[in-house]
Amino acid sequence: MSKLYGVPLSPMVRKVLLALEIKQIDYQLVPVTPFMKPEGFEKISPLKKIPAWQDDKVTLADSTVICEYLEDRYPKQALYPTAA
């Protein structure tokens, strides 16, 4: 199952949570706070930033990059308009 690392208190995590809800993607929320990162978290997020995303294809660690990836992998329920 796909995992989102972070906590909803973070605006960047909330951005990804909204994208996941819009696209109706199943995921597991793994609570990680900026001050209490689990051992080995740098393997998932080299700069130790949240949010981070991990699925069967990639591991990403930036909310905008995560949302762009979700848009490309799951094109139904578009997050971005197709035209101006």
PDB file of N, CA and C in Angstrom:
ATOM      1  N   MET A   1       0.847  -1.185   0.000  1.00  0.00           N
ATOM      2  CA  MET A   1       0.000   0.000   0.000  1.00  0.00           C
ATOM      3  C   MET A   1       0.883   1.236   0.000  1.00  0.00           C
ATOM      4  N   SER A   2       0.429   2.272  -0.679  1.00  0.00           N
ATOM      5  CA  SER A   2       1.146   3.541  -0.731  1.00  0.00           C
ATOM      6  C   SER A   2       1.145   4.198   0.638  1.00  0.00           C
ATOM      7  N   LYS A   3       2.226   4.940   0.928  1.00  0.00           N
ATOM      8  CA  LYS A   3       2.352   5.587   2.230  1.00  0.00           C
ATOM      9  C   LYS A   3       2.654   7.069   2.057  1.00  0.00           C
ATOM     10  N   LEU A   4       1.988   7.878   2.867  1.00  0.00           N
ATOM     11  CA  LEU A   4       2.281   9.299   2.955  1.00  0.00           C
ATOM     12  C   LEU A   4       2.845   9.540   4.344  1.00  0.00           C
ATOM     13  N   TYR A   5       4.046  10.072   4.395  1.00  0.00           N
ATOM     14  CA  TYR A   5       4.718  10.352   5.660  1.00  0.00           C
ATOM     15  C   TYR A   5       4.525  11.819   6.011  1.00  0.00           C
ATOM     16  N   GLY A   6       4.006  12.084   7.203  1.00  0.00           N
ATOM     17  CA  GLY A   6       3.781  13.444   7.658  1.00  0.00           C
ATOM     18  C   GLY A   6       2.597  13.494   8.600  1.00  0.00           C
ATOM     19  N   VAL A   7       2.210  14.701   8.962  1.00  0.00           N
ATOM     20  CA  VAL A   7       1.044  14.901   9.828  1.00  0.00           C
ATOM     21  C   VAL A   7       0.169  15.993   9.230  1.00  0.00           C
ATOM     22  N   PRO A   8      -1.167  15.871   9.375  1.00  0.00           N
ATOM     23  CA  PRO A   8      -2.090  16.843   8.776  1.00  0.00           C
ATOM     24  C   PRO A   8      -1.914  18.278   9.274  1.00  0.00           C
ATOM     25  N   LEU A   9      -1.205  18.483  10.359  1.00  0.00           N
ATOM     26  CA  LEU A   9      -0.952  19.833  10.835  1.00  0.00           C
ATOM     27  C   LEU A   9      -0.131  20.642   9.824  1.00  0.00           C
ATOM     28  N   SER A  10       0.686  19.968   9.048  1.00  0.00           N
ATOM     29  CA  SER A  10       1.527  20.620   8.044  1.00  0.00           C
ATOM     30  C   SER A  10       0.698  21.008   6.820  1.00  0.00           C
ATOM     31  N   PRO A  11       0.778  22.272   6.368  1.00  0.00           N
ATOM     32  CA  PRO A  11       0.053  22.673   5.159  1.00  0.00           C
ATOM     33  C   PRO A  11       0.492  21.888   3.923  1.00  0.00           C
ATOM     34  N   MET A  12       1.758  21.511   3.861  1.00  0.00           N
ATOM     35  CA  MET A  12       2.251  20.761   2.701  1.00  0.00           C
ATOM     36  C   MET A  12       1.687  19.341   2.697  1.00  0.00           C
ATOM     37  N   VAL A  13       1.550  18.757   3.861  1.00  0.00           N
ATOM     38  CA  VAL A  13       0.930  17.427   3.957  1.00  0.00           C
ATOM     39  C   VAL A  13      -0.543  17.533   3.586  1.00  0.00           C
ATOM     40  N   ARG A  14      -1.210  18.587   4.053  1.00  0.00           N
ATOM     41  CA  ARG A  14      -2.634  18.763   3.719  1.00  0.00           C
ATOM     42  C   ARG A  14      -2.834  18.908   2.213  1.00  0.00           C
ATOM     43  N   LYS A  15      -1.897  19.548   1.535  1.00  0.00           N
ATOM     44  CA  LYS A  15      -1.990  19.677   0.073  1.00  0.00           C
ATOM     45  C   LYS A  15      -2.012  18.298  -0.580  1.00  0.00           C
ATOM     46  N   VAL A  16      -1.128  17.416  -0.150  1.00  0.00           N
ATOM     47  CA  VAL A  16      -1.075  16.065  -0.718  1.00  0.00           C
ATOM     48  C   VAL A  16      -2.308  15.271  -0.301  1.00  0.00           C
ATOM     49  N   LEU A  17      -2.747  15.425   0.952  1.00  0.00           N
ATOM     50  CA  LEU A  17      -3.960  14.732   1.401  1.00  0.00           C
ATOM     51  C   LEU A  17      -5.163  15.115   0.546  1.00  0.00           C
ATOM     52  N   LEU A  18      -5.280  16.384   0.216  1.00  0.00           N
ATOM     53  CA  LEU A  18      -6.386  16.843  -0.631  1.00  0.00           C
ATOM     54  C   LEU A  18      -6.307  16.196  -2.012  1.00  0.00           C
ATOM     55  N   ALA A  19      -5.106  16.155  -2.582  1.00  0.00           N
ATOM     56  CA  ALA A  19      -4.940  15.514  -3.892  1.00  0.00           C
ATOM     57  C   ALA A  19      -5.323  14.041  -3.827  1.00  0.00           C
ATOM     58  N   LEU A  20      -4.922  13.357  -2.764  1.00  0.00           N
ATOM     59  CA  LEU A  20      -5.262  11.938  -2.605  1.00  0.00           C
ATOM     60  C   LEU A  20      -6.768  11.743  -2.472  1.00  0.00           C
ATOM     61  N   GLU A  21      -7.420  12.620  -1.744  1.00  0.00           N
ATOM     62  CA  GLU A  21      -8.874  12.521  -1.584  1.00  0.00           C
ATOM     63  C   GLU A  21      -9.597  12.799  -2.902  1.00  0.00           C
ATOM     64  N   ILE A  22      -9.178  13.834  -3.619  1.00  0.00           N
ATOM     65  CA  ILE A  22      -9.805  14.161  -4.912  1.00  0.00           C
ATOM     66  C   ILE A  22      -9.673  12.983  -5.870  1.00  0.00           C
ATOM     67  N   LYS A  23      -8.506  12.380  -5.893  1.00  0.00           N
ATOM     68  CA  LYS A  23      -8.245  11.276  -6.818  1.00  0.00           C
ATOM     69  C   LYS A  23      -8.692   9.922  -6.273  1.00  0.00           C
ATOM     70  N   GLN A  24      -9.191   9.897  -5.037  1.00  0.00           N
ATOM     71  CA  GLN A  24      -9.680   8.676  -4.400  1.00  0.00           C
ATOM     72  C   GLN A  24      -8.633   7.555  -4.424  1.00  0.00           C
ATOM     73  N   ILE A  25      -7.431   7.909  -3.979  1.00  0.00           N
ATOM     74  CA  ILE A  25      -6.317   6.965  -3.929  1.00  0.00           C
ATOM     75  C   ILE A  25      -6.194   6.428  -2.502  1.00  0.00           C
ATOM     76  N   ASP A  26      -6.107   5.109  -2.385  1.00  0.00           N
ATOM     77  CA  ASP A  26      -5.901   4.493  -1.075  1.00  0.00           C
ATOM     78  C   ASP A  26      -4.459   4.710  -0.642  1.00  0.00           C
ATOM     79  N   TYR A  27      -4.277   5.023   0.624  1.00  0.00           N
ATOM     80  CA  TYR A  27      -2.941   5.268   1.152  1.00  0.00           C
ATOM     81  C   TYR A  27      -2.962   5.028   2.654  1.00  0.00           C
ATOM     82  N   GLN A  28      -1.788   4.915   3.204  1.00  0.00           N
ATOM     83  CA  GLN A  28      -1.626   4.816   4.656  1.00  0.00           C
ATOM     84  C   GLN A  28      -0.887   6.077   5.102  1.00  0.00           C
ATOM     85  N   LEU A  29      -1.412   6.767   6.087  1.00  0.00           N
ATOM     86  CA  LEU A  29      -0.753   7.940   6.642  1.00  0.00           C
ATOM     87  C   LEU A  29       0.176   7.482   7.762  1.00  0.00           C
ATOM     88  N   VAL A  30       1.456   7.751   7.589  1.00  0.00           N
ATOM     89  CA  VAL A  30       2.465   7.388   8.583  1.00  0.00           C
ATOM     90  C   VAL A  30       2.851   8.668   9.319  1.00  0.00           C
ATOM     91  N   PRO A  31       2.482   8.802  10.587  1.00  0.00           N
ATOM     92  CA  PRO A  31       2.757  10.044  11.305  1.00  0.00           C
ATOM     93  C   PRO A  31       4.260  10.287  11.499  1.00  0.00           C
ATOM     94  N   VAL A  32       4.723  11.382  10.918  1.00  0.00           N
ATOM     95  CA  VAL A  32       6.106  11.826  11.082  1.00  0.00           C
ATOM     96  C   VAL A  32       6.049  13.328  11.306  1.00  0.00           C
ATOM     97  N   THR A  33       6.646  13.785  12.395  1.00  0.00           N
ATOM     98  CA  THR A  33       6.684  15.218  12.673  1.00  0.00           C
ATOM     99  C   THR A  33       8.097  15.740  12.420  1.00  0.00           C
ATOM    100  N   PRO A  34       8.223  17.045  12.198  1.00  0.00           N
ATOM    101  CA  PRO A  34       9.557  17.605  11.939  1.00  0.00           C
ATOM    102  C   PRO A  34      10.540  17.372  13.087  1.00  0.00           C
ATOM    103  N   PHE A  35      10.029  17.202  14.304  1.00  0.00           N
ATOM    104  CA  PHE A  35      10.902  17.074  15.460  1.00  0.00           C
ATOM    105  C   PHE A  35      11.092  15.642  15.927  1.00  0.00           C
ATOM    106  N   MET A  36      10.311  14.722  15.412  1.00  0.00           N
ATOM    107  CA  MET A  36      10.378  13.317  15.830  1.00  0.00           C
ATOM    108  C   MET A  36      10.392  12.410  14.604  1.00  0.00           C
ATOM    109  N   LYS A  37      11.471  12.457  13.859  1.00  0.00           N
ATOM    110  CA  LYS A  37      11.574  11.620  12.669  1.00  0.00           C
ATOM    111  C   LYS A  37      12.097  10.235  13.064  1.00  0.00           C
ATOM    112  N   PRO A  38      11.510   9.193  12.480  1.00  0.00           N
ATOM    113  CA  PRO A  38      11.971   7.843  12.826  1.00  0.00           C
ATOM    114  C   PRO A  38      13.367   7.577  12.272  1.00  0.00           C
ATOM    115  N   GLU A  39      14.051   6.657  12.887  1.00  0.00           N
ATOM    116  CA  GLU A  39      15.381   6.270  12.422  1.00  0.00           C
ATOM    117  C   GLU A  39      15.274   5.724  11.000  1.00  0.00           C
ATOM    118  N   GLY A  40      16.164   6.146  10.136  1.00  0.00           N
ATOM    119  CA  GLY A  40      16.154   5.700   8.747  1.00  0.00           C
ATOM    120  C   GLY A  40      15.285   6.537   7.834  1.00  0.00           C
ATOM    121  N   PHE A  41      14.654   7.589   8.365  1.00  0.00           N
ATOM    122  CA  PHE A  41      13.765   8.425   7.540  1.00  0.00           C
ATOM    123  C   PHE A  41      14.508   9.082   6.383  1.00  0.00           C
ATOM    124  N   GLU A  42      15.825   9.306   6.539  1.00  0.00           N
ATOM    125  CA  GLU A  42      16.598   9.946   5.472  1.00  0.00           C
ATOM    126  C   GLU A  42      16.682   9.080   4.216  1.00  0.00           C
ATOM    127  N   LYS A  43      16.389   7.783   4.335  1.00  0.00           N
ATOM    128  CA  LYS A  43      16.340   6.919   3.149  1.00  0.00           C
ATOM    129  C   LYS A  43      15.094   7.207   2.330  1.00  0.00           C
ATOM    130  N   ILE A  44      14.040   7.653   2.994  1.00  0.00           N
ATOM    131  CA  ILE A  44      12.792   7.996   2.316  1.00  0.00           C
ATOM    132  C   ILE A  44      12.819   9.451   1.857  1.00  0.00           C
ATOM    133  N   SER A  45      13.310  10.327   2.727  1.00  0.00           N
ATOM    134  CA  SER A  45      13.395  11.758   2.441  1.00  0.00           C
ATOM    135  C   SER A  45      14.817  12.222   2.756  1.00  0.00           C
ATOM    136  N   PRO A  46      15.709  12.247   1.751  1.00  0.00           N
ATOM    137  CA  PRO A  46      17.122  12.564   2.001  1.00  0.00           C
ATOM    138  C   PRO A  46      17.356  13.875   2.760  1.00  0.00           C
ATOM    139  N   LEU A  47      16.505  14.875   2.562  1.00  0.00           N
ATOM    140  CA  LEU A  47      16.643  16.137   3.284  1.00  0.00           C
ATOM    141  C   LEU A  47      15.834  16.135   4.578  1.00  0.00           C
ATOM    142  N   LYS A  48      15.220  14.987   4.893  1.00  0.00           N
ATOM    143  CA  LYS A  48      14.421  14.781   6.108  1.00  0.00           C
ATOM    144  C   LYS A  48      13.228  15.730   6.199  1.00  0.00           C
ATOM    145  N   LYS A  49      12.675  16.090   5.045  1.00  0.00           N
ATOM    146  CA  LYS A  49      11.503  16.966   5.013  1.00  0.00           C
ATOM    147  C   LYS A  49      10.239  16.137   4.870  1.00  0.00           C
ATOM    148  N   ILE A  50       9.137  16.700   5.372  1.00  0.00           N
ATOM    149  CA  ILE A  50       7.832  16.088   5.165  1.00  0.00           C
ATOM    150  C   ILE A  50       7.014  17.038   4.295  1.00  0.00           C
ATOM    151  N   PRO A  51       6.113  16.525   3.490  1.00  0.00           N
ATOM    152  CA  PRO A  51       5.718  15.126   3.367  1.00  0.00           C
ATOM    153  C   PRO A  51       6.686  14.327   2.495  1.00  0.00           C
ATOM    154  N   ALA A  52       6.555  13.027   2.603  1.00  0.00           N
ATOM    155  CA  ALA A  52       7.247  12.099   1.721  1.00  0.00           C
ATOM    156  C   ALA A  52       6.219  11.074   1.259  1.00  0.00           C
ATOM    157  N   TRP A  53       6.424  10.542   0.089  1.00  0.00           N
ATOM    158  CA  TRP A  53       5.491   9.586  -0.522  1.00  0.00           C
ATOM    159  C   TRP A  53       6.266   8.360  -0.963  1.00  0.00           C
ATOM    160  N   GLN A  54       5.682   7.203  -0.732  1.00  0.00           N
ATOM    161  CA  GLN A  54       6.306   5.953  -1.150  1.00  0.00           C
ATOM    162  C   GLN A  54       5.226   5.027  -1.681  1.00  0.00           C
ATOM    163  N   ASP A  55       5.440   4.532  -2.907  1.00  0.00           N
ATOM    164  CA  ASP A  55       4.529   3.525  -3.452  1.00  0.00           C
ATOM    165  C   ASP A  55       5.359   2.449  -4.142  1.00  0.00           C
ATOM    166  N   ASP A  56       4.717   1.634  -4.956  1.00  0.00           N
ATOM    167  CA  ASP A  56       5.419   0.522  -5.591  1.00  0.00           C
ATOM    168  C   ASP A  56       6.377   0.952  -6.692  1.00  0.00           C
ATOM    169  N   LYS A  57       6.330   2.239  -7.097  1.00  0.00           N
ATOM    170  CA  LYS A  57       7.179   2.705  -8.183  1.00  0.00           C
ATOM    171  C   LYS A  57       8.241   3.710  -7.744  1.00  0.00           C
ATOM    172  N   VAL A  58       7.889   4.624  -6.836  1.00  0.00           N
ATOM    173  CA  VAL A  58       8.797   5.723  -6.494  1.00  0.00           C
ATOM    174  C   VAL A  58       8.763   6.048  -5.004  1.00  0.00           C
ATOM    175  N   THR A  59       9.762   6.817  -4.595  1.00  0.00           N
ATOM    176  CA  THR A  59       9.787   7.470  -3.300  1.00  0.00           C
ATOM    177  C   THR A  59      10.092   8.936  -3.583  1.00  0.00           C
ATOM    178  N   LEU A  60       9.211   9.834  -3.122  1.00  0.00           N
ATOM    179  CA  LEU A  60       9.343  11.268  -3.391  1.00  0.00           C
ATOM    180  C   LEU A  60       9.260  12.045  -2.089  1.00  0.00           C
ATOM    181  N   ALA A  61       9.861  13.245  -2.075  1.00  0.00           N
ATOM    182  CA  ALA A  61       9.878  14.017  -0.833  1.00  0.00           C
ATOM    183  C   ALA A  61       9.699  15.514  -1.070  1.00  0.00           C
ATOM    184  N   ASP A  62       8.650  15.902  -1.742  1.00  0.00           N
ATOM    185  CA  ASP A  62       8.294  17.312  -1.923  1.00  0.00           C
ATOM    186  C   ASP A  62       6.827  17.338  -2.306  1.00  0.00           C
ATOM    187  N   SER A  63       6.034  18.173  -1.650  1.00  0.00           N
ATOM    188  CA  SER A  63       4.586  18.142  -1.866  1.00  0.00           C
ATOM    189  C   SER A  63       4.198  18.437  -3.314  1.00  0.00           C
ATOM    190  N   THR A  64       4.860  19.391  -3.948  1.00  0.00           N
ATOM    191  CA  THR A  64       4.529  19.718  -5.338  1.00  0.00           C
ATOM    192  C   THR A  64       4.906  18.570  -6.267  1.00  0.00           C
ATOM    193  N   VAL A  65       6.063  17.992  -6.054  1.00  0.00           N
ATOM    194  CA  VAL A  65       6.497  16.855  -6.871  1.00  0.00           C
ATOM    195  C   VAL A  65       5.561  15.665  -6.657  1.00  0.00           C
ATOM    196  N   ILE A  66       5.154  15.433  -5.426  1.00  0.00           N
ATOM    197  CA  ILE A  66       4.227  14.342  -5.129  1.00  0.00           C
ATOM    198  C   ILE A  66       2.908  14.563  -5.871  1.00  0.00           C
ATOM    199  N   CYS A  67       2.366  15.774  -5.810  1.00  0.00           N
ATOM    200  CA  CYS A  67       1.097  16.062  -6.491  1.00  0.00           C
ATOM    201  C   CYS A  67       1.227  15.924  -8.003  1.00  0.00           C
ATOM    202  N   GLU A  68       2.341  16.365  -8.570  1.00  0.00           N
ATOM    203  CA  GLU A  68       2.548  16.200 -10.015  1.00  0.00           C
ATOM    204  C   GLU A  68       2.639  14.727 -10.384  1.00  0.00           C
ATOM    205  N   TYR A  69       3.320  13.946  -9.557  1.00  0.00           N
ATOM    206  CA  TYR A  69       3.416  12.509  -9.796  1.00  0.00           C
ATOM    207  C   TYR A  69       2.031  11.864  -9.743  1.00  0.00           C
ATOM    208  N   LEU A  70       1.244  12.202  -8.730  1.00  0.00           N
ATOM    209  CA  LEU A  70      -0.108  11.647  -8.618  1.00  0.00           C
ATOM    210  C   LEU A  70      -0.951  12.021  -9.827  1.00  0.00           C
ATOM    211  N   GLU A  71      -0.792  13.239 -10.311  1.00  0.00           N
ATOM    212  CA  GLU A  71      -1.536  13.688 -11.496  1.00  0.00           C
ATOM    213  C   GLU A  71      -1.151  12.861 -12.716  1.00  0.00           C
ATOM    214  N   ASP A  72       0.142  12.586 -12.871  1.00  0.00           N
ATOM    215  CA  ASP A  72       0.598  11.803 -14.023  1.00  0.00           C
ATOM    216  C   ASP A  72       0.195  10.331 -13.908  1.00  0.00           C
ATOM    217  N   ARG A  73       0.318   9.779 -12.732  1.00  0.00           N
ATOM    218  CA  ARG A  73       0.029   8.345 -12.563  1.00  0.00           C
ATOM    219  C   ARG A  73      -1.468   8.058 -12.528  1.00  0.00           C
ATOM    220  N   TYR A  74      -2.250   8.984 -11.995  1.00  0.00           N
ATOM    221  CA  TYR A  74      -3.701   8.798 -11.865  1.00  0.00           C
ATOM    222  C   TYR A  74      -4.411   9.978 -12.532  1.00  0.00           C
ATOM    223  N   PRO A  75      -4.531   9.967 -13.842  1.00  0.00           N
ATOM    224  CA  PRO A  75      -5.068  11.131 -14.556  1.00  0.00           C
ATOM    225  C   PRO A  75      -6.564  11.404 -14.338  1.00  0.00           C
ATOM    226  N   LYS A  76      -7.325  10.404 -13.864  1.00  0.00           N
ATOM    227  CA  LYS A  76      -8.742  10.668 -13.592  1.00  0.00           C
ATOM    228  C   LYS A  76      -8.858  11.669 -12.455  1.00  0.00           C
ATOM    229  N   GLN A  77      -9.910  12.463 -12.488  1.00  0.00           N
ATOM    230  CA  GLN A  77     -10.114  13.511 -11.477  1.00  0.00           C
ATOM    231  C   GLN A  77      -8.907  14.459 -11.472  1.00  0.00           C
ATOM    232  N   ALA A  78      -8.751  15.183 -12.547  1.00  0.00           N
ATOM    233  CA  ALA A  78      -7.589  16.072 -12.721  1.00  0.00           C
ATOM    234  C   ALA A  78      -7.499  17.106 -11.610  1.00  0.00           C
ATOM    235  N   LEU A  79      -6.278  17.341 -11.157  1.00  0.00           N
ATOM    236  CA  LEU A  79      -6.018  18.375 -10.160  1.00  0.00           C
ATOM    237  C   LEU A  79      -5.827  19.740 -10.806  1.00  0.00           C
ATOM    238  N   TYR A  80      -5.293  19.728 -12.011  1.00  0.00           N
ATOM    239  CA  TYR A  80      -4.946  20.953 -12.720  1.00  0.00           C
ATOM    240  C   TYR A  80      -5.850  21.126 -13.940  1.00  0.00           C
ATOM    241  N   PRO A  81      -6.204  22.355 -14.299  1.00  0.00           N
ATOM    242  CA  PRO A  81      -7.014  22.561 -15.502  1.00  0.00           C
ATOM    243  C   PRO A  81      -6.228  22.195 -16.757  1.00  0.00           C
ATOM    244  N   THR A  82      -6.938  21.765 -17.791  1.00  0.00           N
ATOM    245  CA  THR A  82      -6.289  21.387 -19.036  1.00  0.00           C
ATOM    246  C   THR A  82      -6.040  22.590 -19.944  1.00  0.00           C
ATOM    247  N   ALA A  83      -6.711  23.691 -19.671  1.00  0.00           N
ATOM    248  CA  ALA A  83      -6.518  24.913 -20.486  1.00  0.00           C
ATOM    249  C   ALA A  83      -6.685  26.144 -19.591  1.00  0.00           C
ATOM    250  N   ALA A  84      -6.141  27.223 -20.076  1.00  0.00           N
ATOM    251  CA  ALA A  84      -6.277  28.478 -19.324  1.00  0.00           C
ATOM    252  C   ALA A  84      -7.699  28.936 -19.384  1.00  0.00           C
TER     253      ALA A  84
END
